[in-house]
Amino acid sequence: NFVPVVHCVYEFYKLFHEYLKLFAKTERYSIGGKIELIILDTIELLIECTQAENPEKINILKQVDTKIQLLKLLMRLSYETKSIDIKKYIELEKQLNEIGKMLGGWIRSLTKKNP
C-alpha cells in the first residue's frame, strides 16, 4: 500500500531537483531549499510510517498531508515569484495532486481498519 506513494514522492523530488537548477540564485537557496527540505522530510515520514504500528500510522500520514499542503502553497509561490514557469508549475502540481490522492486513500483505508 505504501510503496507507490513513496515512489511518487521520490520521483517528485527528482523532478523538482532538476527544476531547482533553473531557479534564480536567491530563490534557489531560500524557497527552493525550503521546498527541497520539505520533500525530503516527507520521504522520511513516509518511510517512518511503513515501520509504525497502525494507530500511529494515521498520525504520521496526517503530518505528511500537512507537508503536501505546504508544498502546494510553496509551489504556487514559486510560480508567482517567477522562479518556475507555468509548464513546470503545472507538472509539479499534477504530481502533488496525485500524491495527495494516494495519501488520502491510504488514510481512509487505515481509518476503516481503526475507527
N, C-alpha and C. Protein backbone atom coordinates (compact mmCIF):
# COMPACT_ATOMS: atom_id res chain seq x y z
N ASN A 1 0.83 -1.21 0.00
CA ASN A 1 0.00 0.00 0.00
C ASN A 1 0.87 1.27 0.00
N PHE A 2 1.98 1.26 0.73
CA PHE A 2 2.79 2.48 0.87
C PHE A 2 3.76 2.68 -0.27
N VAL A 3 4.21 1.62 -0.89
CA VAL A 3 5.29 1.73 -1.87
C VAL A 3 4.98 2.73 -2.99
N PRO A 4 3.78 2.72 -3.58
CA PRO A 4 3.53 3.67 -4.67
C PRO A 4 3.66 5.14 -4.24
N VAL A 5 3.17 5.50 -3.07
CA VAL A 5 3.25 6.91 -2.66
C VAL A 5 4.70 7.30 -2.36
N VAL A 6 5.46 6.41 -1.77
CA VAL A 6 6.88 6.70 -1.52
C VAL A 6 7.58 6.91 -2.87
N HIS A 7 7.29 6.04 -3.81
CA HIS A 7 7.89 6.15 -5.14
C HIS A 7 7.50 7.48 -5.81
N CYS A 8 6.24 7.87 -5.68
CA CYS A 8 5.77 9.13 -6.29
C CYS A 8 6.48 10.34 -5.69
N VAL A 9 6.66 10.35 -4.38
CA VAL A 9 7.35 11.48 -3.73
C VAL A 9 8.82 11.48 -4.14
N TYR A 10 9.40 10.31 -4.25
CA TYR A 10 10.79 10.16 -4.71
C TYR A 10 10.95 10.74 -6.12
N GLU A 11 10.02 10.38 -7.02
CA GLU A 11 10.05 10.90 -8.39
C GLU A 11 9.79 12.41 -8.41
N PHE A 12 8.91 12.88 -7.53
CA PHE A 12 8.62 14.31 -7.42
C PHE A 12 9.90 15.05 -7.03
N TYR A 13 10.65 14.49 -6.09
CA TYR A 13 11.90 15.11 -5.68
C TYR A 13 12.87 15.22 -6.86
N LYS A 14 13.00 14.14 -7.62
CA LYS A 14 13.93 14.16 -8.76
C LYS A 14 13.54 15.24 -9.76
N LEU A 15 12.25 15.37 -10.04
CA LEU A 15 11.79 16.39 -10.98
C LEU A 15 12.05 17.78 -10.40
N PHE A 16 11.69 17.99 -9.14
CA PHE A 16 11.91 19.30 -8.53
C PHE A 16 13.39 19.65 -8.52
N HIS A 17 14.23 18.67 -8.23
CA HIS A 17 15.67 18.88 -8.19
C HIS A 17 16.19 19.40 -9.54
N GLU A 18 15.65 18.86 -10.63
CA GLU A 18 16.02 19.34 -11.97
C GLU A 18 15.59 20.79 -12.15
N TYR A 19 14.37 21.11 -11.73
CA TYR A 19 13.84 22.47 -11.88
C TYR A 19 14.55 23.46 -10.97
N LEU A 20 15.01 22.97 -9.83
CA LEU A 20 15.69 23.85 -8.87
C LEU A 20 16.93 24.50 -9.49
N LYS A 21 17.58 23.80 -10.40
CA LYS A 21 18.76 24.33 -11.07
C LYS A 21 18.43 25.59 -11.89
N LEU A 22 17.15 25.73 -12.25
CA LEU A 22 16.72 26.86 -13.07
C LEU A 22 16.28 28.07 -12.24
N PHE A 23 16.13 27.88 -10.92
CA PHE A 23 15.75 28.98 -10.04
C PHE A 23 16.86 30.03 -10.04
N ALA A 24 16.49 31.28 -9.86
CA ALA A 24 17.50 32.33 -9.66
C ALA A 24 18.27 31.99 -8.39
N LYS A 25 19.51 32.42 -8.31
CA LYS A 25 20.36 32.06 -7.17
C LYS A 25 19.71 32.39 -5.82
N THR A 26 19.10 33.55 -5.71
CA THR A 26 18.49 33.94 -4.42
C THR A 26 17.35 33.00 -4.04
N GLU A 27 16.49 32.67 -5.00
CA GLU A 27 15.37 31.78 -4.70
C GLU A 27 15.81 30.32 -4.54
N ARG A 28 16.89 29.96 -5.21
CA ARG A 28 17.37 28.57 -5.13
C ARG A 28 17.71 28.20 -3.69
N TYR A 29 18.28 29.16 -2.96
CA TYR A 29 18.71 28.85 -1.59
C TYR A 29 17.67 29.25 -0.55
N SER A 30 16.64 29.98 -0.94
CA SER A 30 15.60 30.34 0.02
C SER A 30 14.40 29.40 -0.17
N ILE A 31 13.47 29.78 -1.02
CA ILE A 31 12.27 28.96 -1.21
C ILE A 31 12.60 27.59 -1.80
N GLY A 32 13.54 27.55 -2.73
CA GLY A 32 13.93 26.27 -3.33
C GLY A 32 14.50 25.31 -2.31
N GLY A 33 15.38 25.82 -1.45
CA GLY A 33 15.97 25.00 -0.40
C GLY A 33 14.92 24.51 0.59
N LYS A 34 13.98 25.38 0.92
CA LYS A 34 12.90 25.02 1.84
C LYS A 34 12.04 23.91 1.25
N ILE A 35 11.68 24.05 -0.02
CA ILE A 35 10.88 23.03 -0.69
C ILE A 35 11.62 21.70 -0.70
N GLU A 36 12.91 21.76 -1.01
CA GLU A 36 13.72 20.54 -1.07
C GLU A 36 13.72 19.84 0.30
N LEU A 37 13.90 20.60 1.37
CA LEU A 37 13.89 20.01 2.72
C LEU A 37 12.54 19.40 3.07
N ILE A 38 11.45 20.06 2.68
CA ILE A 38 10.12 19.53 2.98
C ILE A 38 9.88 18.22 2.22
N ILE A 39 10.33 18.15 0.98
CA ILE A 39 10.18 16.90 0.22
C ILE A 39 10.95 15.78 0.90
N LEU A 40 12.17 16.06 1.30
CA LEU A 40 12.99 15.04 1.98
C LEU A 40 12.37 14.64 3.32
N ASP A 41 11.83 15.61 4.06
CA ASP A 41 11.12 15.30 5.32
C ASP A 41 9.92 14.41 5.04
N THR A 42 9.24 14.66 3.95
CA THR A 42 8.06 13.87 3.57
C THR A 42 8.45 12.43 3.29
N ILE A 43 9.53 12.24 2.57
CA ILE A 43 10.03 10.88 2.29
C ILE A 43 10.38 10.18 3.61
N GLU A 44 11.05 10.91 4.49
CA GLU A 44 11.43 10.35 5.78
C GLU A 44 10.20 9.93 6.59
N LEU A 45 9.19 10.78 6.62
CA LEU A 45 7.95 10.45 7.35
C LEU A 45 7.25 9.24 6.75
N LEU A 46 7.23 9.16 5.42
CA LEU A 46 6.57 8.02 4.78
C LEU A 46 7.29 6.71 5.10
N ILE A 47 8.60 6.75 5.12
CA ILE A 47 9.36 5.54 5.48
C ILE A 47 9.13 5.19 6.94
N GLU A 48 9.09 6.21 7.80
CA GLU A 48 8.79 6.00 9.21
C GLU A 48 7.40 5.36 9.35
N CYS A 49 6.47 5.81 8.55
CA CYS A 49 5.11 5.30 8.59
C CYS A 49 5.05 3.81 8.24
N THR A 50 5.88 3.39 7.31
CA THR A 50 5.87 1.97 6.92
C THR A 50 6.33 1.08 8.07
N GLN A 51 7.10 1.65 9.00
CA GLN A 51 7.61 0.88 10.14
C GLN A 51 6.70 0.97 11.37
N ALA A 52 5.75 1.91 11.34
CA ALA A 52 4.93 2.19 12.52
C ALA A 52 3.76 1.21 12.65
N GLU A 53 3.22 1.14 13.87
CA GLU A 53 2.00 0.37 14.13
C GLU A 53 0.82 1.16 13.60
N ASN A 54 -0.30 0.46 13.31
CA ASN A 54 -1.44 1.11 12.67
C ASN A 54 -1.96 2.39 13.32
N PRO A 55 -2.22 2.44 14.62
CA PRO A 55 -2.77 3.71 15.14
C PRO A 55 -1.82 4.89 14.92
N GLU A 56 -0.53 4.63 15.01
CA GLU A 56 0.48 5.68 14.83
C GLU A 56 0.58 6.12 13.36
N LYS A 57 0.32 5.19 12.45
CA LYS A 57 0.42 5.48 11.01
C LYS A 57 -0.46 6.66 10.62
N ILE A 58 -1.70 6.70 11.14
CA ILE A 58 -2.62 7.76 10.77
C ILE A 58 -2.06 9.12 11.17
N ASN A 59 -1.49 9.22 12.36
CA ASN A 59 -0.89 10.49 12.80
C ASN A 59 0.27 10.91 11.90
N ILE A 60 1.10 9.95 11.53
CA ILE A 60 2.24 10.26 10.66
C ILE A 60 1.74 10.70 9.29
N LEU A 61 0.72 10.00 8.77
CA LEU A 61 0.18 10.36 7.45
C LEU A 61 -0.48 11.73 7.47
N LYS A 62 -1.05 12.11 8.59
CA LYS A 62 -1.62 13.46 8.69
C LYS A 62 -0.50 14.51 8.65
N GLN A 63 0.65 14.18 9.23
CA GLN A 63 1.81 15.09 9.14
C GLN A 63 2.27 15.19 7.68
N VAL A 64 2.28 14.05 6.99
CA VAL A 64 2.66 14.04 5.58
C VAL A 64 1.68 14.90 4.78
N ASP A 65 0.39 14.76 5.08
CA ASP A 65 -0.62 15.54 4.37
C ASP A 65 -0.39 17.04 4.56
N THR A 66 -0.03 17.43 5.78
CA THR A 66 0.27 18.84 6.05
C THR A 66 1.46 19.30 5.20
N LYS A 67 2.47 18.46 5.09
CA LYS A 67 3.65 18.80 4.28
C LYS A 67 3.27 18.93 2.80
N ILE A 68 2.39 18.06 2.32
CA ILE A 68 1.95 18.13 0.92
C ILE A 68 1.19 19.44 0.68
N GLN A 69 0.33 19.84 1.63
CA GLN A 69 -0.39 21.11 1.50
C GLN A 69 0.59 22.28 1.46
N LEU A 70 1.61 22.22 2.31
CA LEU A 70 2.63 23.26 2.34
C LEU A 70 3.41 23.30 1.02
N LEU A 71 3.73 22.12 0.49
CA LEU A 71 4.43 22.06 -0.80
C LEU A 71 3.59 22.69 -1.91
N LYS A 72 2.29 22.43 -1.91
CA LYS A 72 1.41 23.03 -2.92
C LYS A 72 1.47 24.55 -2.83
N LEU A 73 1.43 25.06 -1.62
CA LEU A 73 1.47 26.51 -1.41
C LEU A 73 2.81 27.09 -1.87
N LEU A 74 3.90 26.42 -1.51
CA LEU A 74 5.22 26.91 -1.89
C LEU A 74 5.47 26.80 -3.40
N MET A 75 4.88 25.78 -4.03
CA MET A 75 5.00 25.66 -5.50
C MET A 75 4.28 26.83 -6.16
N ARG A 76 3.12 27.14 -5.65
CA ARG A 76 2.36 28.27 -6.19
C ARG A 76 3.14 29.57 -6.01
N LEU A 77 3.74 29.72 -4.84
CA LEU A 77 4.55 30.90 -4.56
C LEU A 77 5.75 30.96 -5.51
N SER A 78 6.35 29.81 -5.77
CA SER A 78 7.47 29.74 -6.71
C SER A 78 7.05 30.20 -8.10
N TYR A 79 5.86 29.78 -8.50
CA TYR A 79 5.34 30.21 -9.80
C TYR A 79 5.05 31.71 -9.80
N GLU A 80 4.39 32.19 -8.74
CA GLU A 80 4.00 33.61 -8.69
C GLU A 80 5.20 34.55 -8.56
N THR A 81 6.31 34.04 -8.03
CA THR A 81 7.53 34.86 -7.94
C THR A 81 8.43 34.63 -9.16
N LYS A 82 7.90 33.90 -10.13
CA LYS A 82 8.59 33.63 -11.40
C LYS A 82 9.87 32.80 -11.24
N SER A 83 9.90 31.99 -10.17
CA SER A 83 11.03 31.06 -10.01
C SER A 83 10.90 29.88 -10.96
N ILE A 84 9.65 29.50 -11.25
CA ILE A 84 9.39 28.45 -12.24
C ILE A 84 8.32 28.95 -13.20
N ASP A 85 8.33 28.41 -14.40
CA ASP A 85 7.33 28.82 -15.39
C ASP A 85 6.05 28.00 -15.23
N ILE A 86 5.03 28.37 -15.97
CA ILE A 86 3.71 27.74 -15.84
C ILE A 86 3.75 26.25 -16.17
N LYS A 87 4.53 25.88 -17.17
CA LYS A 87 4.61 24.47 -17.58
C LYS A 87 5.17 23.60 -16.44
N LYS A 88 6.25 24.07 -15.83
CA LYS A 88 6.86 23.33 -14.73
C LYS A 88 5.94 23.31 -13.51
N TYR A 89 5.30 24.44 -13.25
CA TYR A 89 4.37 24.54 -12.12
C TYR A 89 3.23 23.53 -12.30
N ILE A 90 2.65 23.45 -13.49
CA ILE A 90 1.54 22.53 -13.74
C ILE A 90 1.99 21.09 -13.56
N GLU A 91 3.17 20.75 -14.05
CA GLU A 91 3.69 19.38 -13.90
C GLU A 91 3.89 19.03 -12.42
N LEU A 92 4.49 19.93 -11.67
CA LEU A 92 4.72 19.68 -10.24
C LEU A 92 3.39 19.59 -9.49
N GLU A 93 2.47 20.46 -9.82
CA GLU A 93 1.16 20.49 -9.17
C GLU A 93 0.40 19.19 -9.47
N LYS A 94 0.49 18.72 -10.70
CA LYS A 94 -0.16 17.47 -11.09
C LYS A 94 0.37 16.30 -10.25
N GLN A 95 1.67 16.25 -10.08
CA GLN A 95 2.27 15.19 -9.27
C GLN A 95 1.85 15.31 -7.81
N LEU A 96 1.83 16.54 -7.28
CA LEU A 96 1.40 16.73 -5.89
C LEU A 96 -0.05 16.30 -5.69
N ASN A 97 -0.90 16.60 -6.66
CA ASN A 97 -2.30 16.18 -6.56
C ASN A 97 -2.42 14.66 -6.54
N GLU A 98 -1.63 14.00 -7.37
CA GLU A 98 -1.63 12.53 -7.41
C GLU A 98 -1.15 11.97 -6.06
N ILE A 99 -0.10 12.54 -5.52
CA ILE A 99 0.42 12.12 -4.21
C ILE A 99 -0.67 12.32 -3.15
N GLY A 100 -1.36 13.46 -3.22
CA GLY A 100 -2.43 13.74 -2.26
C GLY A 100 -3.55 12.71 -2.32
N LYS A 101 -3.92 12.31 -3.53
CA LYS A 101 -4.96 11.28 -3.69
C LYS A 101 -4.52 9.95 -3.10
N MET A 102 -3.28 9.56 -3.37
CA MET A 102 -2.76 8.30 -2.85
C MET A 102 -2.73 8.33 -1.32
N LEU A 103 -2.30 9.45 -0.79
CA LEU A 103 -2.22 9.63 0.65
C LEU A 103 -3.61 9.55 1.28
N GLY A 104 -4.57 10.23 0.65
CA GLY A 104 -5.95 10.19 1.14
C GLY A 104 -6.50 8.77 1.16
N GLY A 105 -6.20 8.02 0.11
CA GLY A 105 -6.64 6.62 0.05
C GLY A 105 -6.02 5.79 1.17
N TRP A 106 -4.75 6.00 1.43
CA TRP A 106 -4.05 5.27 2.49
C TRP A 106 -4.67 5.62 3.84
N ILE A 107 -4.91 6.90 4.09
CA ILE A 107 -5.51 7.33 5.36
C ILE A 107 -6.91 6.73 5.51
N ARG A 108 -7.71 6.75 4.43
CA ARG A 108 -9.07 6.17 4.50
C ARG A 108 -9.02 4.68 4.80
N SER A 109 -8.09 3.96 4.17
CA SER A 109 -8.02 2.52 4.40
C SER A 109 -7.62 2.22 5.85
N LEU A 110 -6.73 3.04 6.42
CA LEU A 110 -6.34 2.84 7.83
C LEU A 110 -7.47 3.23 8.77
N THR A 111 -8.21 4.27 8.43
CA THR A 111 -9.32 4.74 9.27
C THR A 111 -10.42 3.68 9.32
N LYS A 112 -10.66 2.99 8.21
CA LYS A 112 -11.67 1.92 8.20
C LYS A 112 -11.26 0.78 9.11
N LYS A 113 -9.97 0.48 9.14
CA LYS A 113 -9.45 -0.61 9.99
C LYS A 113 -9.47 -0.22 11.47
N ASN A 114 -9.23 1.06 11.75
CA ASN A 114 -9.13 1.57 13.14
C ASN A 114 -10.07 2.77 13.32
N PRO A 115 -11.37 2.53 13.39
CA PRO A 115 -12.27 3.70 13.51
C PRO A 115 -12.09 4.47 14.81
